[in-house]
Every structure is written in C-alpha cells, then in structure tokens.
C-alpha cells in the first residue's frame, strides 16, 4: 500500500457517514449531507449507484451544485461504483496519484481494489460493481455498461491481504435474510437476468473471501440487512458483519449509517437525523457457510 493511499480522504476521519444507493437523487443527498454535517460528519461514502454521471442530460449541473453545497459544509463525498453508473463518463476522469478518481475537488470515485488505512489503524478495501438483473430491459452503452461486472483483473487488484472493512455494492453469498428475500422475488425476473446477476454476485463473493473482512458495507438490493455470518474457506473460518443499506429517497428508509472507525460500530439514522435503534435492524448470527 502506498503512502499516497494512506493519505486518502477517509484516512483521517474518526466517523464516516455512509449512504445506500442514491441514483442521482440530488435532493436526497443534500438532505443527508446536511444531517451528517449537523452531527460533525465531513466524510461521506455512497455504496454504489451514485448515478450522477449519466448520459442524456446535463449531468455537470447537478454535480457542480452538489460540489458547491458540500464545500459550504466542508464535506467530501466518495462513492464506489455500482451497476447503474455511466462508465463511459466515469472513466473520462483519470486516476490520481492517491489511487482515487476525482470528479470534483470534493467528489471522488473509489475504484475497485483501492485500499487505505483509517485513523484507527483499521484497514479498508473497496470492490464495487454488480450485474444488473434487469439487463434485458437495458441498452448497452446507453443504460448499461459492460464495465459494471467485476472482472478477474479487479480481483487481482483487490489482492488477498486481509481488510478489516470492505466497501462494495453487491453482497457476498450465504446471507440468510437476503437470500430468503431474493427467493421470494425471483419469480418476477427472467431466467437470463437471474443467471447474470448470480454470476456477478459469485464474482463479488470471491473477492470477499480474499480479504475476509470483519465488516462489509454494501447496497444494491434496496433493502436493509444487518447479519453476522460465519464463513469457511478450506480449513479457515471467519465471521463478518454483513450490512446492506436500503435505497435512499424516503424519510424512514434505513439507508444511512455512521461508522465509528475505532469500534467499527454503526449508528443508523433516518435522512432527517432521527436515530434508528440497532435492535430494529435484524442484526443476528448464523452458522458457517462455504
């Protein structure tokens, strides 16, 4: 890990604010940013489907407005990529020496394989991307991009060193509540879409097993999940608290959280700042999964 990566925007924060999918919803992000600012949070992270860079409209206006509002509150917003990003636009911004892709001075993309060390000494890695289950309804190069899929090169970039925290968009396999919820809705999707989405999740799971995080934070499924899951890799076992944040856009959705980087504990809150008790999130333990 380079010294430049260690000096990234997340490396000095003692508390970091996280958001689930925002899909370019400027009003929602501004509300959450104000809420976080009132709580002293200067570093925000969107867990995929940032969605502000999108063809067909003057996306720069919203990005500039977001940047100005963040600047007025001394905040920076980072995002891992999801499956609803225009990668053609995103990749016009080059990687900087710090390993990040700066869209504006306070808006930054965290690429797959990025690593940094937090103020607590905890290590953090990122693996964005996911496969769109609705691929059959999208047009390549206009509403879906091949780069949404995690590749072998992404897994090489991520490496096999342990990370205390992994940020991403998709979810690892064998998360009981998520799996049960998905089974209940699978009948609404074409078989081809289900297979494509499953292949993407399997690729993410490989990366997840490579780093064996204590805490995983993701989005993608538009629901809130908080489960402690045990995994086995050969003769090794590890446990991960798997947390997915809901899609943003409503007052009551559990789509925001604040991470204490020293304890790795999370505080959930509604976008207007109302604290949501951890007991309501379904945080529970489950047995070993391969």
C-alpha atoms as a PDB file:
ATOM      1  CA  UNK A   1       0.000   0.000   0.000  1.00  0.00           C
ATOM      2  CA  UNK A   2       1.442   3.388  -0.993  1.00  0.00           C
ATOM      3  CA  UNK A   3       1.788   6.349   1.323  1.00  0.00           C
ATOM      4  CA  UNK A   4      -0.464   8.290  -1.052  1.00  0.00           C
ATOM      5  CA  UNK A   5      -3.245   5.771  -0.491  1.00  0.00           C
ATOM      6  CA  UNK A   6      -2.802   6.090   3.259  1.00  0.00           C
ATOM      7  CA  UNK A   7      -3.399   9.826   2.937  1.00  0.00           C
ATOM      8  CA  UNK A   8      -6.735   9.435   1.152  1.00  0.00           C
ATOM      9  CA  UNK A   9      -9.796  11.427   2.282  1.00  0.00           C
ATOM     10  CA  UNK A  10     -11.090   8.627   4.517  1.00  0.00           C
ATOM     11  CA  UNK A  11      -7.809   8.120   6.334  1.00  0.00           C
ATOM     12  CA  UNK A  12      -8.164  10.943   8.872  1.00  0.00           C
ATOM     13  CA  UNK A  13     -11.863  10.687   9.750  1.00  0.00           C
ATOM     14  CA  UNK A  14     -12.894   9.196  13.089  1.00  0.00           C
ATOM     15  CA  UNK A  15     -16.513   8.865  11.932  1.00  0.00           C
ATOM     16  CA  UNK A  16     -17.664   8.285   8.354  1.00  0.00           C
ATOM     17  CA  UNK A  17     -21.200   8.672   7.022  1.00  0.00           C
ATOM     18  CA  UNK A  18     -22.495   6.020   4.620  1.00  0.00           C
ATOM     19  CA  UNK A  19     -25.406   6.169   2.176  1.00  0.00           C
ATOM     20  CA  UNK A  20     -27.149   3.400   0.253  1.00  0.00           C
ATOM     21  CA  UNK A  21     -27.946   3.738  -3.462  1.00  0.00           C
ATOM     22  CA  UNK A  22     -28.810   7.330  -4.383  1.00  0.00           C
ATOM     23  CA  UNK A  23     -29.314   7.014  -8.182  1.00  0.00           C
ATOM     24  CA  UNK A  24     -28.511  10.665  -8.829  1.00  0.00           C
ATOM     25  CA  UNK A  25     -31.160  11.949  -6.401  1.00  0.00           C
ATOM     26  CA  UNK A  26     -29.672  15.363  -5.631  1.00  0.00           C
ATOM     27  CA  UNK A  27     -32.339  16.417  -3.139  1.00  0.00           C
ATOM     28  CA  UNK A  28     -31.905  13.242  -1.094  1.00  0.00           C
ATOM     29  CA  UNK A  29     -28.121  13.557  -0.979  1.00  0.00           C
ATOM     30  CA  UNK A  30     -28.331  17.205   0.080  1.00  0.00           C
ATOM     31  CA  UNK A  31     -30.732  16.371   2.911  1.00  0.00           C
ATOM     32  CA  UNK A  32     -28.462  13.582   4.142  1.00  0.00           C
ATOM     33  CA  UNK A  33     -25.370  15.775   3.804  1.00  0.00           C
ATOM     34  CA  UNK A  34     -26.971  18.484   5.979  1.00  0.00           C
ATOM     35  CA  UNK A  35     -27.973  15.882   8.548  1.00  0.00           C
ATOM     36  CA  UNK A  36     -24.461  14.457   8.620  1.00  0.00           C
ATOM     37  CA  UNK A  37     -22.890  17.920   8.808  1.00  0.00           C
ATOM     38  CA  UNK A  38     -25.000  18.751  11.876  1.00  0.00           C
ATOM     39  CA  UNK A  39     -23.512  15.633  13.500  1.00  0.00           C
ATOM     40  CA  UNK A  40     -19.971  16.655  12.639  1.00  0.00           C
ATOM     41  CA  UNK A  41     -19.520  14.200   9.738  1.00  0.00           C
ATOM     42  CA  UNK A  42     -17.271  15.545   6.999  1.00  0.00           C
ATOM     43  CA  UNK A  43     -16.595  12.345   5.034  1.00  0.00           C
ATOM     44  CA  UNK A  44     -19.489  10.650   3.224  1.00  0.00           C
ATOM     45  CA  UNK A  45     -19.465   7.455   1.167  1.00  0.00           C
ATOM     46  CA  UNK A  46     -22.160   6.212  -1.241  1.00  0.00           C
ATOM     47  CA  UNK A  47     -22.170   2.419  -1.525  1.00  0.00           C
ATOM     48  CA  UNK A  48     -22.688   2.239  -5.282  1.00  0.00           C
ATOM     49  CA  UNK A  49     -25.268   3.514  -7.772  1.00  0.00           C
ATOM     50  CA  UNK A  50     -24.110   7.088  -7.267  1.00  0.00           C
ATOM     51  CA  UNK A  51     -25.720   7.755 -10.627  1.00  0.00           C
ATOM     52  CA  UNK A  52     -24.959  11.455 -11.035  1.00  0.00           C
ATOM     53  CA  UNK A  53     -22.806  10.875 -14.098  1.00  0.00           C
ATOM     54  CA  UNK A  54     -25.440   9.756 -16.591  1.00  0.00           C
ATOM     55  CA  UNK A  55     -25.930  10.424 -20.316  1.00  0.00           C
ATOM     56  CA  UNK A  56     -28.951  12.177 -21.759  1.00  0.00           C
ATOM     57  CA  UNK A  57     -28.957  15.265 -19.545  1.00  0.00           C
ATOM     58  CA  UNK A  58     -26.553  17.950 -18.432  1.00  0.00           C
ATOM     59  CA  UNK A  59     -25.207  15.943 -15.506  1.00  0.00           C
ATOM     60  CA  UNK A  60     -22.485  18.513 -14.833  1.00  0.00           C
ATOM     61  CA  UNK A  61     -25.053  20.977 -13.450  1.00  0.00           C
ATOM     62  CA  UNK A  62     -26.099  18.600 -10.655  1.00  0.00           C
ATOM     63  CA  UNK A  63     -22.513  17.578  -9.947  1.00  0.00           C
ATOM     64  CA  UNK A  64     -21.428  21.220  -9.675  1.00  0.00           C
ATOM     65  CA  UNK A  65     -24.367  22.050  -7.408  1.00  0.00           C
ATOM     66  CA  UNK A  66     -23.587  19.085  -5.187  1.00  0.00           C
ATOM     67  CA  UNK A  67     -19.944  20.122  -5.033  1.00  0.00           C
ATOM     68  CA  UNK A  68     -20.837  23.688  -4.009  1.00  0.00           C
ATOM     69  CA  UNK A  69     -23.199  22.504  -1.257  1.00  0.00           C
ATOM     70  CA  UNK A  70     -20.621  20.046   0.056  1.00  0.00           C
ATOM     71  CA  UNK A  71     -17.982  22.784   0.074  1.00  0.00           C
ATOM     72  CA  UNK A  72     -20.249  25.020   2.150  1.00  0.00           C
ATOM     73  CA  UNK A  73     -20.329  22.273   4.797  1.00  0.00           C
ATOM     74  CA  UNK A  74     -16.646  21.287   4.455  1.00  0.00           C
ATOM     75  CA  UNK A  75     -17.646  17.812   3.284  1.00  0.00           C
ATOM     76  CA  UNK A  76     -16.317  15.308   0.764  1.00  0.00           C
ATOM     77  CA  UNK A  77     -18.429  12.572  -0.801  1.00  0.00           C
ATOM     78  CA  UNK A  78     -16.827   9.396  -2.120  1.00  0.00           C
ATOM     79  CA  UNK A  79     -18.536   6.547  -3.929  1.00  0.00           C
ATOM     80  CA  UNK A  80     -17.815   3.022  -5.022  1.00  0.00           C
ATOM     81  CA  UNK A  81     -19.293   2.194  -8.400  1.00  0.00           C
ATOM     82  CA  UNK A  82     -22.469   0.176  -8.676  1.00  0.00           C
ATOM     83  CA  UNK A  83     -24.232  -1.251 -11.694  1.00  0.00           C
ATOM     84  CA  UNK A  84     -26.100   1.962 -12.506  1.00  0.00           C
ATOM     85  CA  UNK A  85     -23.176   4.179 -13.466  1.00  0.00           C
ATOM     86  CA  UNK A  86     -22.184   5.535 -16.862  1.00  0.00           C
ATOM     87  CA  UNK A  87     -18.709   4.052 -17.004  1.00  0.00           C
ATOM     88  CA  UNK A  88     -18.077   5.851 -20.297  1.00  0.00           C
ATOM     89  CA  UNK A  89     -18.379   9.150 -18.424  1.00  0.00           C
ATOM     90  CA  UNK A  90     -16.796   7.968 -15.191  1.00  0.00           C
ATOM     91  CA  UNK A  91     -13.648   6.734 -16.881  1.00  0.00           C
ATOM     92  CA  UNK A  92     -13.030  10.071 -18.608  1.00  0.00           C
ATOM     93  CA  UNK A  93     -11.718  11.149 -15.197  1.00  0.00           C
ATOM     94  CA  UNK A  94      -8.204   9.770 -14.672  1.00  0.00           C
ATOM     95  CA  UNK A  95      -6.900   8.065 -11.562  1.00  0.00           C
ATOM     96  CA  UNK A  96      -4.856  10.407  -9.380  1.00  0.00           C
ATOM     97  CA  UNK A  97      -1.620   9.616  -7.582  1.00  0.00           C
ATOM     98  CA  UNK A  98      -3.646   8.789  -4.467  1.00  0.00           C
ATOM     99  CA  UNK A  99      -5.340   5.922  -6.310  1.00  0.00           C
ATOM    100  CA  UNK A 100      -8.694   7.714  -6.493  1.00  0.00           C
ATOM    101  CA  UNK A 101     -10.691   9.232  -9.348  1.00  0.00           C
ATOM    102  CA  UNK A 102     -11.587  12.848  -8.530  1.00  0.00           C
ATOM    103  CA  UNK A 103     -14.741  14.119 -10.248  1.00  0.00           C
ATOM    104  CA  UNK A 104     -14.628  17.422  -8.403  1.00  0.00           C
ATOM    105  CA  UNK A 105     -12.357  18.607  -5.554  1.00  0.00           C
ATOM    106  CA  UNK A 106     -14.835  17.110  -3.052  1.00  0.00           C
ATOM    107  CA  UNK A 107     -16.480  14.322  -5.111  1.00  0.00           C
ATOM    108  CA  UNK A 108     -14.392  11.213  -5.647  1.00  0.00           C
ATOM    109  CA  UNK A 109     -14.755   7.699  -7.033  1.00  0.00           C
ATOM    110  CA  UNK A 110     -13.168   4.810  -5.094  1.00  0.00           C
ATOM    111  CA  UNK A 111     -12.040   2.274  -7.718  1.00  0.00           C
ATOM    112  CA  UNK A 112     -12.079  -1.485  -7.311  1.00  0.00           C
ATOM    113  CA  UNK A 113      -9.053  -2.745  -5.443  1.00  0.00           C
ATOM    114  CA  UNK A 114      -8.403   0.525  -3.602  1.00  0.00           C
ATOM    115  CA  UNK A 115      -7.049   0.212  -0.072  1.00  0.00           C
ATOM    116  CA  UNK A 116      -6.345   2.662   2.713  1.00  0.00           C
ATOM    117  CA  UNK A 117      -5.670   2.770   6.451  1.00  0.00           C
ATOM    118  CA  UNK A 118      -8.136   4.612   8.683  1.00  0.00           C
ATOM    119  CA  UNK A 119      -7.339   6.852  11.641  1.00  0.00           C
ATOM    120  CA  UNK A 120      -7.823   3.887  13.978  1.00  0.00           C
ATOM    121  CA  UNK A 121      -5.327   1.751  12.082  1.00  0.00           C
ATOM    122  CA  UNK A 122      -8.138  -0.384  10.634  1.00  0.00           C
ATOM    123  CA  UNK A 123      -7.621  -1.335   7.011  1.00  0.00           C
ATOM    124  CA  UNK A 124     -10.252  -0.632   4.357  1.00  0.00           C
ATOM    125  CA  UNK A 125     -10.610  -2.055   0.853  1.00  0.00           C
ATOM    126  CA  UNK A 126     -13.146  -1.483  -1.935  1.00  0.00           C
ATOM    127  CA  UNK A 127     -14.742  -3.721  -4.551  1.00  0.00           C
ATOM    128  CA  UNK A 128     -17.587  -2.005  -6.374  1.00  0.00           C
ATOM    129  CA  UNK A 129     -19.615  -3.329  -9.278  1.00  0.00           C
ATOM    130  CA  UNK A 130     -22.565  -5.693  -9.720  1.00  0.00           C
ATOM    131  CA  UNK A 131     -24.517  -7.327 -12.546  1.00  0.00           C
ATOM    132  CA  UNK A 132     -27.903  -5.797 -13.389  1.00  0.00           C
ATOM    133  CA  UNK A 133     -30.739  -8.295 -13.013  1.00  0.00           C
ATOM    134  CA  UNK A 134     -32.801  -6.173 -15.433  1.00  0.00           C
ATOM    135  CA  UNK A 135     -30.173  -6.403 -18.193  1.00  0.00           C
ATOM    136  CA  UNK A 136     -32.864  -7.490 -20.641  1.00  0.00           C
ATOM    137  CA  UNK A 137     -34.566  -4.090 -20.322  1.00  0.00           C
ATOM    138  CA  UNK A 138     -31.412  -2.029 -20.821  1.00  0.00           C
ATOM    139  CA  UNK A 139     -29.422  -0.842 -23.834  1.00  0.00           C
ATOM    140  CA  UNK A 140     -25.663  -1.392 -23.917  1.00  0.00           C
ATOM    141  CA  UNK A 141     -23.814   1.925 -23.884  1.00  0.00           C
ATOM    142  CA  UNK A 142     -26.929   3.913 -23.036  1.00  0.00           C
ATOM    143  CA  UNK A 143     -28.418   2.446 -19.847  1.00  0.00           C
ATOM    144  CA  UNK A 144     -25.987  -0.384 -19.057  1.00  0.00           C
ATOM    145  CA  UNK A 145     -22.246  -0.780 -19.472  1.00  0.00           C
ATOM    146  CA  UNK A 146     -20.150  -3.930 -19.627  1.00  0.00           C
ATOM    147  CA  UNK A 147     -17.827  -2.436 -17.021  1.00  0.00           C
ATOM    148  CA  UNK A 148     -20.464  -2.954 -14.338  1.00  0.00           C
ATOM    149  CA  UNK A 149     -19.233  -6.550 -13.994  1.00  0.00           C
ATOM    150  CA  UNK A 150     -16.429  -7.455 -11.609  1.00  0.00           C
ATOM    151  CA  UNK A 151     -13.521  -8.965 -13.553  1.00  0.00           C
ATOM    152  CA  UNK A 152     -10.564 -11.201 -12.832  1.00  0.00           C
ATOM    153  CA  UNK A 153      -8.382  -8.094 -13.073  1.00  0.00           C
ATOM    154  CA  UNK A 154     -10.465  -6.445 -10.338  1.00  0.00           C
ATOM    155  CA  UNK A 155      -9.884  -9.429  -8.052  1.00  0.00           C
ATOM    156  CA  UNK A 156      -6.152  -9.252  -8.739  1.00  0.00           C
ATOM    157  CA  UNK A 157      -6.171  -5.534  -7.919  1.00  0.00           C
ATOM    158  CA  UNK A 158      -8.003  -6.258  -4.657  1.00  0.00           C
ATOM    159  CA  UNK A 159      -5.434  -8.845  -3.628  1.00  0.00           C
ATOM    160  CA  UNK A 160      -5.527 -11.388  -0.819  1.00  0.00           C
ATOM    161  CA  UNK A 161      -4.393  -9.268   2.119  1.00  0.00           C
ATOM    162  CA  UNK A 162      -6.919  -9.066   4.951  1.00  0.00           C
ATOM    163  CA  UNK A 163      -9.002  -5.891   5.262  1.00  0.00           C
ATOM    164  CA  UNK A 164     -10.936  -5.008   8.399  1.00  0.00           C
ATOM    165  CA  UNK A 165     -13.606  -3.261   6.326  1.00  0.00           C
ATOM    166  CA  UNK A 166     -14.719  -3.974   2.779  1.00  0.00           C
ATOM    167  CA  UNK A 167     -16.863  -1.491   0.857  1.00  0.00           C
ATOM    168  CA  UNK A 168     -18.810  -2.610  -2.188  1.00  0.00           C
ATOM    169  CA  UNK A 169     -22.155  -2.659  -3.941  1.00  0.00           C
ATOM    170  CA  UNK A 170     -23.147  -6.318  -4.315  1.00  0.00           C
ATOM    171  CA  UNK A 171     -23.352  -8.813  -1.428  1.00  0.00           C
ATOM    172  CA  UNK A 172     -21.472 -11.978  -0.501  1.00  0.00           C
ATOM    173  CA  UNK A 173     -23.222 -15.313  -0.781  1.00  0.00           C
ATOM    174  CA  UNK A 174     -24.994 -17.096   2.080  1.00  0.00           C
ATOM    175  CA  UNK A 175     -26.607 -14.086   3.799  1.00  0.00           C
ATOM    176  CA  UNK A 176     -29.772 -15.781   5.127  1.00  0.00           C
ATOM    177  CA  UNK A 177     -32.222 -12.876   5.294  1.00  0.00           C
ATOM    178  CA  UNK A 178     -31.137 -11.502   1.928  1.00  0.00           C
ATOM    179  CA  UNK A 179     -31.292 -14.921   0.300  1.00  0.00           C
ATOM    180  CA  UNK A 180     -34.797 -15.547   1.642  1.00  0.00           C
ATOM    181  CA  UNK A 181     -35.987 -12.156   0.397  1.00  0.00           C
ATOM    182  CA  UNK A 182     -34.497 -12.731  -3.047  1.00  0.00           C
ATOM    183  CA  UNK A 183     -36.078 -16.182  -3.325  1.00  0.00           C
ATOM    184  CA  UNK A 184     -39.461 -14.573  -2.715  1.00  0.00           C
ATOM    185  CA  UNK A 185     -38.998 -12.186  -5.669  1.00  0.00           C
ATOM    186  CA  UNK A 186     -37.048 -14.347  -8.161  1.00  0.00           C
ATOM    187  CA  UNK A 187     -40.208 -15.389  -9.993  1.00  0.00           C
ATOM    188  CA  UNK A 188     -40.636 -11.830 -11.260  1.00  0.00           C
ATOM    189  CA  UNK A 189     -37.370 -11.872 -13.231  1.00  0.00           C
ATOM    190  CA  UNK A 190     -36.391 -13.654 -16.462  1.00  0.00           C
ATOM    191  CA  UNK A 191     -34.076 -16.642 -16.040  1.00  0.00           C
ATOM    192  CA  UNK A 192     -31.326 -14.959 -18.070  1.00  0.00           C
ATOM    193  CA  UNK A 193     -31.350 -11.930 -15.768  1.00  0.00           C
ATOM    194  CA  UNK A 194     -31.252 -14.119 -12.669  1.00  0.00           C
ATOM    195  CA  UNK A 195     -28.280 -16.074 -14.008  1.00  0.00           C
ATOM    196  CA  UNK A 196     -26.410 -12.905 -14.964  1.00  0.00           C
ATOM    197  CA  UNK A 197     -26.999 -11.328 -11.540  1.00  0.00           C
ATOM    198  CA  UNK A 198     -25.962 -14.550  -9.786  1.00  0.00           C
ATOM    199  CA  UNK A 199     -22.723 -14.687 -11.768  1.00  0.00           C
ATOM    200  CA  UNK A 200     -21.903 -11.151 -10.667  1.00  0.00           C
ATOM    201  CA  UNK A 201     -22.607 -11.934  -7.023  1.00  0.00           C
ATOM    202  CA  UNK A 202     -20.411 -15.022  -7.244  1.00  0.00           C
ATOM    203  CA  UNK A 203     -17.531 -12.900  -8.532  1.00  0.00           C
ATOM    204  CA  UNK A 204     -18.002 -10.459  -5.674  1.00  0.00           C
ATOM    205  CA  UNK A 205     -18.040 -13.366  -3.214  1.00  0.00           C
ATOM    206  CA  UNK A 206     -14.630 -14.469  -4.458  1.00  0.00           C
ATOM    207  CA  UNK A 207     -13.221 -11.041  -3.665  1.00  0.00           C
ATOM    208  CA  UNK A 208     -14.969 -11.043  -0.304  1.00  0.00           C
ATOM    209  CA  UNK A 209     -13.298 -14.333   0.594  1.00  0.00           C
ATOM    210  CA  UNK A 210      -9.942 -12.947  -0.490  1.00  0.00           C
ATOM    211  CA  UNK A 211      -9.974 -10.180   2.143  1.00  0.00           C
ATOM    212  CA  UNK A 212     -12.132 -11.822   4.870  1.00  0.00           C
ATOM    213  CA  UNK A 213     -13.384  -8.542   6.363  1.00  0.00           C
ATOM    214  CA  UNK A 214     -14.748  -8.053   9.859  1.00  0.00           C
ATOM    215  CA  UNK A 215     -17.338  -5.639   8.431  1.00  0.00           C
ATOM    216  CA  UNK A 216     -18.828  -5.434   4.958  1.00  0.00           C
ATOM    217  CA  UNK A 217     -20.867  -2.419   3.816  1.00  0.00           C
ATOM    218  CA  UNK A 218     -22.864  -2.517   0.569  1.00  0.00           C
ATOM    219  CA  UNK A 219     -26.138  -1.576  -1.109  1.00  0.00           C
ATOM    220  CA  UNK A 220     -27.644  -2.754  -4.438  1.00  0.00           C
ATOM    221  CA  UNK A 221     -30.632  -4.738  -3.130  1.00  0.00           C
ATOM    222  CA  UNK A 222     -32.751  -1.794  -1.941  1.00  0.00           C
ATOM    223  CA  UNK A 223     -33.278  -3.308   1.490  1.00  0.00           C
ATOM    224  CA  UNK A 224     -31.591  -3.106   4.854  1.00  0.00           C
ATOM    225  CA  UNK A 225     -29.716  -6.158   6.090  1.00  0.00           C
ATOM    226  CA  UNK A 226     -27.533  -6.470   9.181  1.00  0.00           C
ATOM    227  CA  UNK A 227     -26.373 -10.020   9.905  1.00  0.00           C
ATOM    228  CA  UNK A 228     -23.346 -11.636  11.476  1.00  0.00           C
ATOM    229  CA  UNK A 229     -22.395 -14.524   9.184  1.00  0.00           C
ATOM    230  CA  UNK A 230     -19.704 -17.175   9.597  1.00  0.00           C
ATOM    231  CA  UNK A 231     -17.761 -18.344   6.553  1.00  0.00           C
ATOM    232  CA  UNK A 232     -15.352 -21.207   5.957  1.00  0.00           C
ATOM    233  CA  UNK A 233     -12.542 -21.216   3.397  1.00  0.00           C
ATOM    234  CA  UNK A 234     -10.784 -24.553   3.439  1.00  0.00           C
ATOM    235  CA  UNK A 235      -9.584 -25.052   6.998  1.00  0.00           C
ATOM    236  CA  UNK A 236     -10.048 -21.389   7.946  1.00  0.00           C
ATOM    237  CA  UNK A 237     -13.137 -19.774   9.428  1.00  0.00           C
ATOM    238  CA  UNK A 238     -14.036 -16.115   9.821  1.00  0.00           C
ATOM    239  CA  UNK A 239     -17.058 -14.056  10.758  1.00  0.00           C
ATOM    240  CA  UNK A 240     -18.284 -10.924   9.040  1.00  0.00           C
ATOM    241  CA  UNK A 241     -20.963  -8.445   9.948  1.00  0.00           C
ATOM    242  CA  UNK A 242     -22.689  -8.009   6.594  1.00  0.00           C
ATOM    243  CA  UNK A 243     -24.544  -4.703   6.336  1.00  0.00           C
ATOM    244  CA  UNK A 244     -26.564  -3.550   3.331  1.00  0.00           C
ATOM    245  CA  UNK A 245     -28.159  -0.113   3.329  1.00  0.00           C
ATOM    246  CA  UNK A 246     -31.521   0.496   1.715  1.00  0.00           C
ATOM    247  CA  UNK A 247     -32.045   2.727  -1.289  1.00  0.00           C
ATOM    248  CA  UNK A 248     -32.253   6.404  -0.374  1.00  0.00           C
ATOM    249  CA  UNK A 249     -35.165   8.671  -1.119  1.00  0.00           C
ATOM    250  CA  UNK A 250     -37.644   8.179   1.713  1.00  0.00           C
ATOM    251  CA  UNK A 251     -37.677   9.573   5.225  1.00  0.00           C
ATOM    252  CA  UNK A 252     -37.914   6.266   7.065  1.00  0.00           C
ATOM    253  CA  UNK A 253     -35.599   4.032   4.993  1.00  0.00           C
ATOM    254  CA  UNK A 254     -32.549   2.698   6.815  1.00  0.00           C
ATOM    255  CA  UNK A 255     -30.293   3.999   4.078  1.00  0.00           C
ATOM    256  CA  UNK A 256     -27.823   5.990   6.198  1.00  0.00           C
ATOM    257  CA  UNK A 257     -25.308   4.980   8.845  1.00  0.00           C
ATOM    258  CA  UNK A 258     -22.373   6.462  10.716  1.00  0.00           C
ATOM    259  CA  UNK A 259     -19.321   4.278  11.270  1.00  0.00           C
ATOM    260  CA  UNK A 260     -17.040   4.759  14.262  1.00  0.00           C
ATOM    261  CA  UNK A 261     -13.681   3.763  12.793  1.00  0.00           C
ATOM    262  CA  UNK A 262     -12.257   2.848  16.214  1.00  0.00           C
ATOM    263  CA  UNK A 263     -15.003   0.469  17.343  1.00  0.00           C
ATOM    264  CA  UNK A 264     -16.399  -0.460  13.888  1.00  0.00           C
ATOM    265  CA  UNK A 265     -19.858   0.092  15.358  1.00  0.00           C
ATOM    266  CA  UNK A 266     -22.641   1.623  13.280  1.00  0.00           C
ATOM    267  CA  UNK A 267     -25.351   4.113  14.158  1.00  0.00           C
ATOM    268  CA  UNK A 268     -28.337   4.006  11.814  1.00  0.00           C
ATOM    269  CA  UNK A 269     -30.303   7.154  11.196  1.00  0.00           C
ATOM    270  CA  UNK A 270     -33.120   8.413   9.033  1.00  0.00           C
ATOM    271  CA  UNK A 271     -32.127  11.011   6.490  1.00  0.00           C
ATOM    272  CA  UNK A 272     -33.526  13.823   8.659  1.00  0.00           C
ATOM    273  CA  UNK A 273     -31.322  12.729  11.554  1.00  0.00           C
ATOM    274  CA  UNK A 274     -33.700  10.606  13.613  1.00  0.00           C
ATOM    275  CA  UNK A 275     -31.686   7.848  15.251  1.00  0.00           C
ATOM    276  CA  UNK A 276     -32.821   4.308  14.445  1.00  0.00           C
ATOM    277  CA  UNK A 277     -32.102   1.672  17.077  1.00  0.00           C
ATOM    278  CA  UNK A 278     -29.775  -1.160  16.092  1.00  0.00           C
ATOM    279  CA  UNK A 279     -32.223  -3.671  17.591  1.00  0.00           C
ATOM    280  CA  UNK A 280     -34.657  -2.943  14.778  1.00  0.00           C
ATOM    281  CA  UNK A 281     -32.213  -3.965  12.069  1.00  0.00           C
ATOM    282  CA  UNK A 282     -32.241  -7.722  12.464  1.00  0.00           C
ATOM    283  CA  UNK A 283     -28.566  -7.978  13.496  1.00  0.00           C
ATOM    284  CA  UNK A 284     -28.086 -11.678  14.249  1.00  0.00           C
ATOM    285  CA  UNK A 285     -25.720 -14.592  13.978  1.00  0.00           C
ATOM    286  CA  UNK A 286     -25.672 -17.526  11.558  1.00  0.00           C
ATOM    287  CA  UNK A 287     -23.684 -20.671  11.083  1.00  0.00           C
ATOM    288  CA  UNK A 288     -20.771 -21.417   8.803  1.00  0.00           C
ATOM    289  CA  UNK A 289     -21.123 -21.079   5.039  1.00  0.00           C
ATOM    290  CA  UNK A 290     -18.699 -22.139   2.334  1.00  0.00           C
END
